[in-house]
Amino acid sequence: MTIPFAGDPGAGGLAADRLRDIESLTDAALSRLDEYALLSALVERVREVLRADTAAVLLLDQSARQLIATAASGIEEEVRQGVRIPLGTGFAGRVAASREPVILTRVDHTTVRNPLLVDRGIRSLLGVPLLVGGRVIGVLHVGSLSGQPFEQQDVELLQLAADRAALALHSLMSQDDALAAVALQRSLLPTALPAVPGLGLAARYVAGSGAVGGDWYDVFVLPDGKLGVVVGDVAGSGLEAAVIMGRMRSALRAYVLETPDPATALRMLDRKIQYFEPNAMATVLYGLYTPGTGDFTVSSAGHLPPILAAPGGQAGLLPLRPDPPIGTADDLQRRSASFFIPPGALLCCYTDGLVERRGQVLDQGMDTLAATLGKLVAAVPAATTEPVAEEACAEIMRALVGSTAAQDDIAVLVLSRLTGTLAP
């Protein structure tokens, strides 16, 4: 039966003592900063306080819509055997689906999905949802071998334990996800930019003040000596976006070895993502730079165009027509365009976090970026052979970021073609 939760543990001395036990458990576990330690301690103490024979926590895998056994006491096989319960089925699945406590007074194959509950000889069960902001993140349940019925006071105490544990667990899991996203993203950014004759390279990556997103840049030298340049932005934020970003980066690196055409490589990436990651979406810019000649062939999947600043000219956007972003359209023929990067020029590829600000149109940010690059190129002596990419990166961040914390991730990649290199 489903038990509406009253939310009042009562004022009796015994109830107060039991409540203090639960509170002391969650407070102590919080200091460990380890969700598995918290859950292990939780099931042990809950089993003791409620005089139950078994206790278990199952956490919800939202993508698979399954509850996964994560911690257990008295029925450790649940965790060791990796028990999974589909949402809405079985005892735990019903608790999660209803978002209310459930008492089960008959435990057999007609009432539970997990055969371990029957094999263990459990005769009665009490389960409550782990809720955070009205969202179910798991289920906590206890069992009795004697069949002693669980009472309303037990329901209230178990729900209180679940509520406190859910908040602590959600906080710890969010911290872990954020740390994992940052670690993953940093591990996928180039550790060192390649050395390319006649070219200077510099880059910046800054995480936004909110959740880490899926921005990235990549630079690599291909077998034919050309330089591959990639800047991309996966929609979304957090660990999920970072994981998708990593998959896109790896897939694109494989495809660029199969075709010399940036548009074809992006088309292959789009097909892969739409098939294996149907809910993912990203903007990606991929270009090939030829050292010595200054040729730059590039294709854009919905990404902002690079900005070119050349000596004696006006800095501005490359006249590149973008195709639809990755993951948004049926398989289509994408386009590449070729440009010339003259000696002494700066080329800047970036993500929207650099130029997009609340309360101003996107063009303002791009105009500021172009003006910054133009001033830098104009100030460089004509005879210099020193790359100015690093100086340009620093000046770009000063001009467009300054002392204001970035709300969104920022990825910037600057190419500086040295003066004195020959035009084709």
Protein backbone atom coordinates (compact mmCIF):
# COMPACT_ATOMS: atom_id res chain seq x y z
CA MET A 1 0.00 0.00 0.00
CA THR A 2 1.06 3.58 -0.63
CA ILE A 3 1.39 5.67 2.54
CA PRO A 4 0.88 9.44 2.29
CA PHE A 5 3.78 11.03 4.18
CA ALA A 6 2.58 13.15 7.09
CA GLY A 7 5.92 14.88 7.58
CA ASP A 8 5.53 15.02 11.37
CA PRO A 9 7.73 12.58 13.33
CA GLY A 10 5.83 13.20 16.50
CA ALA A 11 6.99 14.55 19.80
CA GLY A 12 7.41 11.28 21.70
CA GLY A 13 10.69 10.62 23.46
CA LEU A 14 11.40 7.44 21.49
CA ALA A 15 10.72 9.17 18.18
CA ALA A 16 12.96 12.07 19.17
CA ASP A 17 15.77 9.69 20.07
CA ARG A 18 15.45 7.86 16.77
CA LEU A 19 15.35 11.13 14.87
CA ARG A 20 18.55 12.26 16.58
CA ASP A 21 20.16 9.01 15.43
CA ILE A 22 19.23 9.78 11.84
CA GLU A 23 20.38 13.40 12.11
CA SER A 24 23.71 12.42 13.62
CA LEU A 25 24.24 9.96 10.79
CA THR A 26 23.73 12.46 7.99
CA ASP A 27 25.69 15.21 9.73
CA ALA A 28 28.69 12.92 10.26
CA ALA A 29 28.51 11.54 6.75
CA LEU A 30 28.49 15.04 5.27
CA SER A 31 31.95 15.70 6.66
CA ARG A 32 33.37 12.77 4.71
CA LEU A 33 32.60 14.33 1.33
CA ASP A 34 32.14 10.89 -0.19
CA GLU A 35 28.72 9.79 -1.39
CA TYR A 36 29.55 6.09 -1.12
CA ALA A 37 30.67 6.52 2.49
CA LEU A 38 27.45 8.43 3.15
CA LEU A 39 25.27 5.72 1.64
CA SER A 40 27.11 2.89 3.37
CA ALA A 41 26.75 4.62 6.71
CA LEU A 42 23.13 5.44 5.95
CA VAL A 43 21.99 1.87 5.32
CA GLU A 44 23.81 0.58 8.40
CA ARG A 45 22.30 3.18 10.72
CA VAL A 46 18.82 3.00 9.19
CA ARG A 47 18.82 -0.76 9.61
CA GLU A 48 19.82 -0.33 13.25
CA VAL A 49 17.41 2.47 14.09
CA LEU A 50 14.39 0.82 12.46
CA ARG A 51 15.37 -2.64 13.76
CA ALA A 52 15.22 -3.95 10.22
CA ASP A 53 17.05 -6.95 8.78
CA THR A 54 17.98 -5.35 5.48
CA ALA A 55 18.43 -1.86 4.09
CA ALA A 56 19.38 -0.72 0.60
CA VAL A 57 19.71 2.37 -1.55
CA LEU A 58 19.10 2.32 -5.30
CA LEU A 59 20.03 5.41 -7.32
CA LEU A 60 18.24 6.43 -10.49
CA ASP A 61 20.07 6.35 -13.82
CA GLN A 62 17.89 8.84 -15.64
CA SER A 63 19.23 8.05 -19.11
CA ALA A 64 18.42 4.34 -18.74
CA ARG A 65 15.35 4.94 -16.54
CA GLN A 66 16.58 2.28 -14.15
CA LEU A 67 17.28 2.13 -10.42
CA ILE A 68 20.75 0.75 -9.67
CA ALA A 69 21.61 -0.89 -6.34
CA THR A 70 24.36 1.28 -4.87
CA ALA A 71 24.61 0.48 -1.15
CA ALA A 72 23.13 -2.31 1.01
CA SER A 73 23.25 -3.81 4.49
CA GLY A 74 21.97 -7.32 5.17
CA ILE A 75 21.41 -7.85 1.46
CA GLU A 76 24.80 -6.91 0.03
CA GLU A 77 24.15 -9.17 -2.98
CA GLU A 78 22.04 -6.40 -4.47
CA VAL A 79 25.14 -4.28 -4.97
CA ARG A 80 27.54 -7.13 -5.73
CA GLN A 81 25.29 -8.46 -8.48
CA GLY A 82 24.57 -5.01 -9.92
CA VAL A 83 20.79 -5.21 -9.51
CA ARG A 84 18.85 -2.90 -11.83
CA ILE A 85 15.13 -2.20 -11.54
CA PRO A 86 13.26 -0.46 -14.39
CA LEU A 87 11.44 2.66 -13.28
CA GLY A 88 7.80 1.89 -12.47
CA THR A 89 8.22 -1.89 -12.07
CA GLY A 90 8.74 -3.97 -8.95
CA PHE A 91 8.73 -2.62 -5.41
CA ALA A 92 11.50 -0.01 -5.73
CA GLY A 93 10.29 1.00 -9.17
CA ARG A 94 6.82 1.72 -7.78
CA VAL A 95 8.25 3.82 -4.94
CA ALA A 96 10.18 5.93 -7.44
CA ALA A 97 7.24 6.25 -9.84
CA SER A 98 4.73 7.22 -7.14
CA ARG A 99 7.20 9.47 -5.25
CA GLU A 100 5.55 8.29 -2.04
CA PRO A 101 6.40 5.79 0.71
CA VAL A 102 5.18 2.25 0.07
CA ILE A 103 4.69 -0.61 2.57
CA LEU A 104 4.65 -4.15 1.22
CA THR A 105 3.26 -6.88 3.49
CA ARG A 106 3.63 -9.71 0.98
CA VAL A 107 6.94 -10.28 -0.73
CA ASP A 108 6.91 -12.74 -3.62
CA HIS A 109 7.48 -12.83 -7.35
CA THR A 110 4.11 -11.17 -7.97
CA THR A 111 4.97 -8.08 -5.88
CA VAL A 112 8.71 -7.56 -6.37
CA ARG A 113 10.96 -7.51 -9.43
CA ASN A 114 14.21 -8.39 -7.63
CA PRO A 115 14.36 -12.14 -6.85
CA LEU A 116 17.01 -11.51 -4.18
CA LEU A 117 14.31 -10.04 -1.92
CA VAL A 118 12.39 -13.30 -2.12
CA ASP A 119 15.46 -15.52 -1.84
CA ARG A 120 16.60 -13.61 1.25
CA GLY A 121 13.32 -14.48 2.96
CA ILE A 122 12.09 -10.91 3.41
CA ARG A 123 8.44 -10.85 4.41
CA SER A 124 7.70 -7.13 4.63
CA LEU A 125 9.23 -4.05 3.02
CA LEU A 126 9.11 -0.30 3.49
CA GLY A 127 10.47 1.99 0.79
CA VAL A 128 10.65 5.77 0.44
CA PRO A 129 11.86 7.99 -2.42
CA LEU A 130 15.03 10.07 -2.34
CA LEU A 131 13.78 13.48 -3.49
CA VAL A 132 15.60 16.69 -4.38
CA GLY A 133 13.48 19.63 -5.47
CA GLY A 134 10.60 17.29 -6.27
CA ARG A 135 12.83 15.15 -8.49
CA VAL A 136 13.45 11.49 -7.67
CA ILE A 137 17.13 10.54 -7.52
CA GLY A 138 16.69 7.12 -5.91
CA VAL A 139 14.93 4.87 -3.40
CA LEU A 140 15.75 3.83 0.18
CA HIS A 141 14.11 0.64 1.46
CA VAL A 142 14.25 -1.59 4.53
CA GLY A 143 13.06 -5.17 4.97
CA SER A 144 11.99 -7.50 7.78
CA LEU A 145 12.52 -11.27 7.85
CA SER A 146 9.96 -11.75 10.63
CA GLY A 147 7.19 -9.98 8.78
CA GLN A 148 6.78 -7.45 11.56
CA PRO A 149 4.72 -4.68 9.97
CA PHE A 150 6.23 -1.25 9.55
CA GLU A 151 4.24 1.54 11.19
CA GLN A 152 3.56 5.18 10.37
CA GLN A 153 6.36 6.25 12.70
CA ASP A 154 8.77 4.06 10.74
CA VAL A 155 7.58 5.64 7.50
CA GLU A 156 8.19 9.13 8.83
CA LEU A 157 11.63 8.35 10.22
CA LEU A 158 12.74 6.61 7.02
CA GLN A 159 11.48 9.49 4.88
CA LEU A 160 13.30 11.99 7.07
CA ALA A 161 16.49 9.98 6.70
CA ALA A 162 15.95 9.81 2.94
CA ASP A 163 15.27 13.54 2.64
CA ARG A 164 18.42 14.53 4.54
CA ALA A 165 20.53 11.99 2.72
CA ALA A 166 19.14 13.04 -0.68
CA LEU A 167 20.17 16.67 -0.16
CA ALA A 168 23.64 15.68 0.99
CA LEU A 169 23.99 13.12 -1.77
CA HIS A 170 22.81 15.52 -4.47
CA SER A 171 25.32 18.12 -3.31
CA LEU A 172 28.19 15.64 -3.28
CA MET A 173 27.25 14.15 -6.65
CA SER A 174 27.00 17.64 -8.17
CA GLN A 175 30.46 18.45 -6.86
CA ASP A 176 31.82 15.20 -8.26
CA ASP A 177 30.17 15.80 -11.64
CA ALA A 178 31.57 19.32 -11.80
CA LEU A 179 35.07 18.14 -10.90
CA ALA A 180 34.82 15.29 -13.39
CA ALA A 181 33.65 17.66 -16.14
CA VAL A 182 36.53 20.05 -15.50
CA ALA A 183 39.05 17.19 -15.36
CA LEU A 184 37.68 15.65 -18.56
CA GLN A 185 37.66 18.94 -20.41
CA ARG A 186 41.19 19.83 -19.35
CA SER A 187 42.45 16.38 -20.31
CA LEU A 188 41.10 16.83 -23.84
CA LEU A 189 42.55 20.26 -24.50
CA PRO A 190 45.97 20.19 -26.20
CA THR A 191 48.74 20.03 -23.60
CA ALA A 192 51.07 21.92 -25.94
CA LEU A 193 50.46 23.69 -29.20
CA PRO A 194 52.41 22.27 -32.16
CA ALA A 195 55.45 24.01 -33.62
CA VAL A 196 54.69 25.08 -37.18
CA PRO A 197 57.28 26.84 -39.39
CA GLY A 198 56.33 30.44 -40.11
CA LEU A 199 53.39 30.40 -37.70
CA GLY A 200 52.77 31.39 -34.10
CA LEU A 201 49.97 29.79 -32.06
CA ALA A 202 48.35 30.73 -28.77
CA ALA A 203 45.15 29.67 -27.05
CA ARG A 204 43.02 30.29 -24.00
CA TYR A 205 40.30 28.29 -22.31
CA VAL A 206 38.30 29.74 -19.40
CA ALA A 207 35.42 27.90 -17.72
CA GLY A 208 32.24 29.90 -17.16
CA SER A 209 31.10 30.86 -13.69
CA GLY A 210 28.19 28.42 -14.05
CA ALA A 211 28.46 24.74 -14.90
CA VAL A 212 31.31 23.70 -17.18
CA GLY A 213 30.12 23.43 -20.76
CA GLY A 214 31.27 21.71 -23.92
CA ASP A 215 33.57 24.31 -25.51
CA TRP A 216 36.86 23.08 -26.92
CA TYR A 217 39.68 23.85 -29.30
CA ASP A 218 42.07 21.48 -31.00
CA VAL A 219 45.22 21.96 -33.10
CA PHE A 220 47.20 19.17 -34.79
CA VAL A 221 49.64 18.63 -37.63
CA LEU A 222 48.42 16.15 -40.24
CA PRO A 223 50.63 13.65 -42.12
CA ASP A 224 50.83 15.96 -45.16
CA GLY A 225 52.17 18.80 -42.99
CA LYS A 226 49.00 20.87 -42.96
CA LEU A 227 47.70 22.24 -39.67
CA GLY A 228 44.24 21.22 -38.49
CA VAL A 229 42.36 23.86 -36.51
CA VAL A 230 39.14 23.07 -34.63
CA VAL A 231 36.93 25.16 -32.37
CA GLY A 232 33.59 23.81 -31.15
CA ASP A 233 30.78 24.32 -28.68
CA VAL A 234 28.47 21.50 -27.54
CA ALA A 235 25.01 22.59 -26.43
CA GLY A 236 24.35 22.10 -22.74
CA SER A 237 26.59 22.10 -19.70
CA GLY A 238 28.07 19.89 -17.04
CA LEU A 239 29.52 16.42 -17.29
CA GLU A 240 27.15 15.30 -20.04
CA ALA A 241 28.24 18.14 -22.36
CA ALA A 242 31.90 17.48 -21.57
CA VAL A 243 31.49 13.79 -22.41
CA ILE A 244 29.80 14.60 -25.74
CA MET A 245 32.58 17.10 -26.46
CA GLY A 246 35.18 14.40 -25.90
CA ARG A 247 33.43 12.02 -28.26
CA MET A 248 33.12 14.67 -30.96
CA ARG A 249 36.77 15.62 -30.64
CA SER A 250 37.94 12.03 -30.94
CA ALA A 251 35.61 11.25 -33.86
CA LEU A 252 36.65 14.36 -35.80
CA ARG A 253 40.33 13.54 -35.28
CA ALA A 254 39.67 10.15 -36.89
CA TYR A 255 37.71 11.60 -39.83
CA VAL A 256 40.32 14.23 -40.73
CA LEU A 257 42.73 11.38 -41.48
CA GLU A 258 40.26 9.98 -44.00
CA THR A 259 39.53 13.10 -46.06
CA PRO A 260 41.41 16.28 -47.05
CA ASP A 261 38.15 18.27 -47.20
CA PRO A 262 36.97 19.97 -43.98
CA ALA A 263 33.34 19.92 -45.15
CA THR A 264 33.44 16.17 -45.71
CA ALA A 265 34.97 15.60 -42.28
CA LEU A 266 32.19 17.63 -40.64
CA ARG A 267 29.57 15.75 -42.64
CA MET A 268 31.00 12.45 -41.37
CA LEU A 269 30.96 13.83 -37.83
CA ASP A 270 27.35 14.90 -38.22
CA ARG A 271 26.27 11.45 -39.40
CA LYS A 272 28.06 9.80 -36.48
CA ILE A 273 26.58 12.14 -33.87
CA GLN A 274 23.03 11.92 -35.24
CA TYR A 275 23.17 8.13 -35.17
CA PHE A 276 24.93 7.51 -31.85
CA GLU A 277 24.12 10.75 -29.96
CA PRO A 278 20.68 11.68 -31.33
CA ASN A 279 20.01 14.36 -28.71
CA ALA A 280 23.38 16.12 -29.04
CA MET A 281 23.94 19.39 -30.85
CA ALA A 282 27.08 21.43 -31.42
CA THR A 283 28.60 24.15 -33.53
CA VAL A 284 32.01 23.25 -34.97
CA LEU A 285 34.56 25.09 -37.10
CA TYR A 286 37.24 23.00 -38.82
CA GLY A 287 39.97 24.47 -40.99
CA LEU A 288 43.19 23.38 -42.68
CA TYR A 289 46.11 25.79 -42.82
CA THR A 290 48.97 25.20 -45.28
CA PRO A 291 52.32 26.44 -43.92
CA GLY A 292 54.36 28.39 -46.43
CA THR A 293 51.48 29.32 -48.71
CA GLY A 294 49.08 30.77 -46.13
CA ASP A 295 46.11 28.92 -47.64
CA PHE A 296 43.28 28.31 -45.17
CA THR A 297 40.41 26.00 -46.17
CA VAL A 298 37.59 25.96 -43.66
CA SER A 299 34.05 24.69 -43.08
CA SER A 300 31.59 25.82 -40.44
CA ALA A 301 28.80 23.79 -38.85
CA GLY A 302 26.85 26.74 -37.47
CA HIS A 303 29.90 28.23 -35.75
CA LEU A 304 30.81 31.91 -35.58
CA PRO A 305 33.24 32.87 -38.39
CA PRO A 306 36.92 33.53 -37.60
CA ILE A 307 38.20 37.11 -37.59
CA LEU A 308 41.15 38.04 -39.80
CA ALA A 309 43.32 41.09 -39.28
CA ALA A 310 45.95 41.68 -41.98
CA PRO A 311 48.52 44.47 -42.43
CA GLY A 312 47.18 47.37 -44.47
CA GLY A 313 43.59 46.09 -44.32
CA GLN A 314 40.56 46.34 -42.10
CA ALA A 315 40.05 43.54 -39.58
CA GLY A 316 36.77 41.68 -39.95
CA LEU A 317 34.93 38.40 -40.24
CA LEU A 318 35.95 35.89 -42.86
CA PRO A 319 33.10 35.79 -45.43
CA LEU A 320 32.31 32.21 -44.52
CA ARG A 321 28.78 30.88 -45.01
CA PRO A 322 27.94 28.50 -42.17
CA ASP A 323 26.07 25.23 -42.66
CA PRO A 324 23.64 23.92 -40.02
CA PRO A 325 25.09 22.88 -36.64
CA ILE A 326 26.02 19.27 -35.97
CA GLY A 327 22.99 17.21 -35.00
CA THR A 328 20.29 19.51 -36.38
CA ALA A 329 19.66 18.52 -40.00
CA ASP A 330 19.43 15.47 -42.22
CA ASP A 331 22.59 14.37 -43.99
CA LEU A 332 23.43 17.26 -46.29
CA GLN A 333 26.28 18.36 -48.52
CA ARG A 334 28.44 20.75 -46.52
CA ARG A 335 30.67 23.45 -47.99
CA SER A 336 34.31 24.42 -47.62
CA ALA A 337 35.74 27.83 -48.50
CA SER A 338 39.35 28.84 -49.08
CA PHE A 339 41.05 32.02 -47.91
CA PHE A 340 44.56 33.47 -47.91
CA ILE A 341 46.25 34.44 -44.66
CA PRO A 342 48.89 37.03 -45.64
CA PRO A 343 52.22 37.45 -43.85
CA GLY A 344 51.89 39.49 -40.65
CA ALA A 345 48.19 38.61 -40.26
CA LEU A 346 46.32 37.40 -37.19
CA LEU A 347 43.49 34.87 -37.41
CA CYS A 348 41.28 34.34 -34.36
CA CYS A 349 38.88 31.41 -33.89
CA TYR A 350 36.66 31.49 -30.79
CA THR A 351 33.46 30.34 -29.12
CA ASP A 352 30.48 32.57 -28.38
CA GLY A 353 31.37 32.98 -24.71
CA LEU A 354 34.07 35.44 -25.78
CA VAL A 355 31.80 37.84 -27.66
CA GLU A 356 28.30 37.26 -26.27
CA ARG A 357 27.07 39.41 -23.40
CA ARG A 358 23.66 40.03 -21.91
CA GLY A 359 22.13 43.29 -22.99
CA GLN A 360 24.17 43.70 -26.17
CA VAL A 361 23.90 42.31 -29.66
CA LEU A 362 26.43 39.70 -30.74
CA ASP A 363 27.85 42.03 -33.40
CA GLN A 364 29.17 44.36 -30.69
CA GLY A 365 31.39 41.69 -29.24
CA MET A 366 32.69 40.63 -32.64
CA ASP A 367 33.34 44.25 -33.59
CA THR A 368 35.35 44.71 -30.39
CA LEU A 369 37.34 41.56 -31.16
CA ALA A 370 38.06 42.73 -34.71
CA ALA A 371 39.11 46.19 -33.52
CA THR A 372 41.46 44.64 -30.94
CA LEU A 373 43.13 42.45 -33.55
CA GLY A 374 43.36 45.33 -36.01
CA LYS A 375 45.19 47.55 -33.50
CA LEU A 376 47.63 44.75 -32.71
CA VAL A 377 48.49 44.15 -36.35
CA ALA A 378 48.88 47.87 -37.02
CA ALA A 379 51.28 48.21 -34.07
CA VAL A 380 53.58 45.37 -35.13
CA PRO A 381 56.74 46.55 -36.96
CA ALA A 382 56.71 45.45 -40.59
CA ALA A 383 60.09 43.75 -40.37
CA THR A 384 59.43 41.71 -37.23
CA THR A 385 59.89 37.96 -37.37
CA GLU A 386 58.56 37.34 -33.86
CA PRO A 387 55.11 35.71 -33.51
CA VAL A 388 52.57 37.89 -31.74
CA ALA A 389 49.93 35.22 -31.14
CA GLU A 390 50.53 35.07 -27.38
CA GLU A 391 50.40 38.84 -27.06
CA ALA A 392 47.22 38.85 -29.14
CA CYS A 393 45.57 36.24 -26.91
CA ALA A 394 46.39 38.23 -23.79
CA GLU A 395 45.06 41.46 -25.31
CA ILE A 396 41.88 39.75 -26.51
CA MET A 397 41.13 38.50 -23.00
CA ARG A 398 41.84 41.93 -21.51
CA ALA A 399 39.59 43.69 -24.00
CA LEU A 400 36.65 41.29 -24.01
CA VAL A 401 36.75 39.67 -20.57
CA GLY A 402 38.65 42.06 -18.31
CA SER A 403 37.73 41.68 -14.65
CA THR A 404 34.22 40.36 -15.30
CA ALA A 405 33.65 36.68 -14.59
CA ALA A 406 32.64 34.85 -17.76
CA GLN A 407 29.12 33.44 -17.61
CA ASP A 408 29.82 30.97 -20.40
CA ASP A 409 32.89 28.95 -21.34
CA ILE A 410 35.43 30.73 -23.53
CA ALA A 411 37.76 29.06 -26.02
CA VAL A 412 40.11 31.19 -28.11
CA LEU A 413 42.70 30.12 -30.66
CA VAL A 414 44.97 32.65 -32.43
CA LEU A 415 47.18 32.02 -35.46
CA SER A 416 49.89 34.55 -36.24
CA ARG A 417 51.57 34.26 -39.63
CA LEU A 418 55.07 35.66 -39.46
CA THR A 419 56.17 38.47 -41.73
CA GLY A 420 58.83 37.52 -44.20
CA THR A 421 57.04 34.28 -45.18
CA LEU A 422 56.44 34.05 -48.90
CA ALA A 423 53.06 34.47 -50.49
CA PRO A 424 52.04 31.79 -52.99
